[in-house]
Amino acid sequence: MAEGPPPPRDADVLVDVELEHGLLWLALVNLGELPAHRVRVRLEPPLRGLGGRKRLDRLALFRRLELLAPGRRIRTILDRPSLLFARDEPTRFRATATWVTDAGRRGRRVVEHDLEIYRDLAVLDPEVPPRAQA
């Protein structure tokens, strides 16, 4: 008797840090093959991005995402490394993601991050052209 394909992997959500084009990004990722519902993320301590102007834990992405599709990755800019390290703020944080599966089971994943690993990397900060005079 031939076996069918294995059942799809359930939702599995985490927050990762990515470095791309001279910017640090926070990525909310569903590694599973099924959707995650009612996704919530707690960042401890709260992170400030965009030159220290924006509390990232207050973004709707982390407070009330109702659906994260299978294999989906949603990113938001954390900061330019030079701006992040110029501030006297913690570089270690914990990201706790919680969600509900299609079957109604609760999922939870905690990831500890240390942004110090990005401090010594050779990164070109993107140049921002001056604003045109009107």
Protein backbone atom coordinates (compact mmCIF):
# COMPACT_ATOMS: atom_id res chain seq x y z
CA MET A 1 0.00 0.00 0.00
CA ALA A 2 1.55 3.30 -1.11
CA GLU A 3 1.84 6.07 1.42
CA GLY A 4 0.56 9.51 0.50
CA PRO A 5 2.49 12.70 0.92
CA PRO A 6 3.35 13.73 4.48
CA PRO A 7 0.90 16.10 6.13
CA PRO A 8 1.76 19.79 5.79
CA ARG A 9 3.88 21.34 8.54
CA ASP A 10 1.81 23.44 10.89
CA ALA A 11 2.31 27.19 11.22
CA ASP A 12 5.65 28.09 12.82
CA VAL A 13 6.23 31.81 13.36
CA LEU A 14 9.34 33.71 14.41
CA VAL A 15 10.95 37.14 14.28
CA ASP A 16 14.35 37.34 12.63
CA VAL A 17 16.85 40.15 12.05
CA GLU A 18 18.19 40.64 8.53
CA LEU A 19 20.88 42.89 7.10
CA GLU A 20 20.27 43.97 3.52
CA HIS A 21 21.31 47.01 1.47
CA GLY A 22 22.93 48.62 4.50
CA LEU A 23 19.77 48.40 6.62
CA LEU A 24 18.75 46.21 9.54
CA TRP A 25 15.28 44.73 9.15
CA LEU A 26 12.92 42.84 11.44
CA ALA A 27 11.19 40.00 9.62
CA LEU A 28 8.05 38.23 10.81
CA VAL A 29 8.16 34.80 9.17
CA ASN A 30 5.83 31.79 8.97
CA LEU A 31 8.12 28.81 8.34
CA GLY A 32 5.17 26.42 8.21
CA GLU A 33 3.03 25.12 5.36
CA LEU A 34 -0.24 26.19 6.99
CA PRO A 35 -1.44 29.69 7.97
CA ALA A 36 -0.96 31.31 11.36
CA HIS A 37 -3.91 33.27 12.78
CA ARG A 38 -4.04 36.02 15.42
CA VAL A 39 -0.26 36.54 15.33
CA ARG A 40 1.10 38.67 18.16
CA VAL A 41 4.73 39.59 18.93
CA ARG A 42 6.26 40.92 22.12
CA LEU A 43 9.65 42.62 21.85
CA GLU A 44 11.52 42.84 25.17
CA PRO A 45 12.84 45.35 25.82
CA PRO A 46 10.86 47.50 23.37
CA LEU A 47 12.90 48.39 20.29
CA ARG A 48 13.23 51.84 18.77
CA GLY A 49 13.90 52.14 15.07
CA LEU A 50 14.23 54.80 12.40
CA GLY A 51 16.87 56.79 14.23
CA GLY A 52 15.18 56.18 17.59
CA ARG A 53 11.92 57.86 16.54
CA LYS A 54 9.63 54.83 16.26
CA ARG A 55 8.70 52.18 18.85
CA LEU A 56 8.57 49.03 16.74
CA ASP A 57 6.60 47.05 19.31
CA ARG A 58 3.70 49.45 18.68
CA LEU A 59 3.43 48.60 14.98
CA ALA A 60 0.17 46.87 14.01
CA LEU A 61 2.32 44.19 12.35
CA PHE A 62 3.40 43.01 15.81
CA ARG A 63 0.27 43.83 17.79
CA ARG A 64 -2.59 42.51 15.66
CA LEU A 65 -1.77 40.59 12.52
CA GLU A 66 -4.80 38.40 11.86
CA LEU A 67 -3.26 36.13 9.21
CA LEU A 68 0.28 35.20 8.24
CA ALA A 69 0.10 32.95 5.20
CA PRO A 70 2.29 29.84 4.80
CA GLY A 71 5.85 30.70 3.83
CA ARG A 72 5.12 34.42 4.16
CA ARG A 73 7.70 36.94 5.36
CA ILE A 74 6.79 40.53 6.23
CA ARG A 75 9.63 42.96 6.94
CA THR A 76 9.95 46.38 8.50
CA ILE A 77 13.05 48.53 8.73
CA LEU A 78 14.71 48.48 12.14
CA ASP A 79 17.43 51.05 11.45
CA ARG A 80 20.72 51.84 9.79
CA PRO A 81 23.45 50.11 11.81
CA SER A 82 25.34 53.38 12.37
CA LEU A 83 22.24 55.04 13.85
CA LEU A 84 21.36 52.02 15.96
CA PHE A 85 24.81 51.74 17.53
CA ALA A 86 25.14 55.51 18.04
CA ARG A 87 22.27 55.35 20.55
CA ASP A 88 22.89 54.12 24.06
CA GLU A 89 20.20 51.44 23.92
CA PRO A 90 20.28 47.70 24.59
CA THR A 91 21.34 45.59 21.63
CA ARG A 92 19.98 42.33 23.05
CA PHE A 93 16.27 41.64 22.82
CA ARG A 94 13.79 38.79 22.99
CA ALA A 95 11.05 38.35 20.38
CA THR A 96 8.13 36.19 21.51
CA ALA A 97 5.68 35.26 18.76
CA THR A 98 2.31 33.67 19.53
CA TRP A 99 -0.34 32.47 17.09
CA VAL A 100 -3.26 30.11 16.59
CA THR A 101 -3.27 27.29 14.03
CA ASP A 102 -6.12 26.30 11.71
CA ALA A 103 -6.95 23.54 14.21
CA GLY A 104 -7.21 26.07 17.06
CA ARG A 105 -3.93 25.08 18.76
CA ARG A 106 -1.80 27.84 20.23
CA GLY A 107 1.79 28.21 19.07
CA ARG A 108 4.65 30.10 20.70
CA ARG A 109 8.28 30.68 19.75
CA VAL A 110 10.86 32.76 21.62
CA VAL A 111 14.01 33.96 19.84
CA GLU A 112 16.84 35.79 21.59
CA HIS A 113 18.69 38.29 19.37
CA ASP A 114 21.94 40.18 19.92
CA LEU A 115 22.42 43.02 17.45
CA GLU A 116 26.09 43.33 18.48
CA ILE A 117 26.95 40.77 15.81
CA TYR A 118 26.26 43.48 13.22
CA ARG A 119 28.48 46.14 14.84
CA ASP A 120 31.77 45.05 13.26
CA LEU A 121 30.48 44.07 9.84
CA ALA A 122 31.56 46.20 6.92
CA VAL A 123 28.31 47.84 5.88
CA LEU A 124 27.82 50.75 3.52
CA ASP A 125 25.12 53.06 4.82
CA PRO A 126 22.88 54.00 1.91
CA GLU A 127 23.33 57.59 0.83
CA VAL A 128 20.22 59.70 0.97
CA PRO A 129 20.28 62.52 -1.58
CA PRO A 130 19.44 65.99 -0.28
CA ARG A 131 15.91 67.16 -0.85
CA ALA A 132 15.41 69.19 -4.01
CA GLN A 133 14.80 72.88 -3.45
CA ALA A 134 11.30 73.96 -4.47
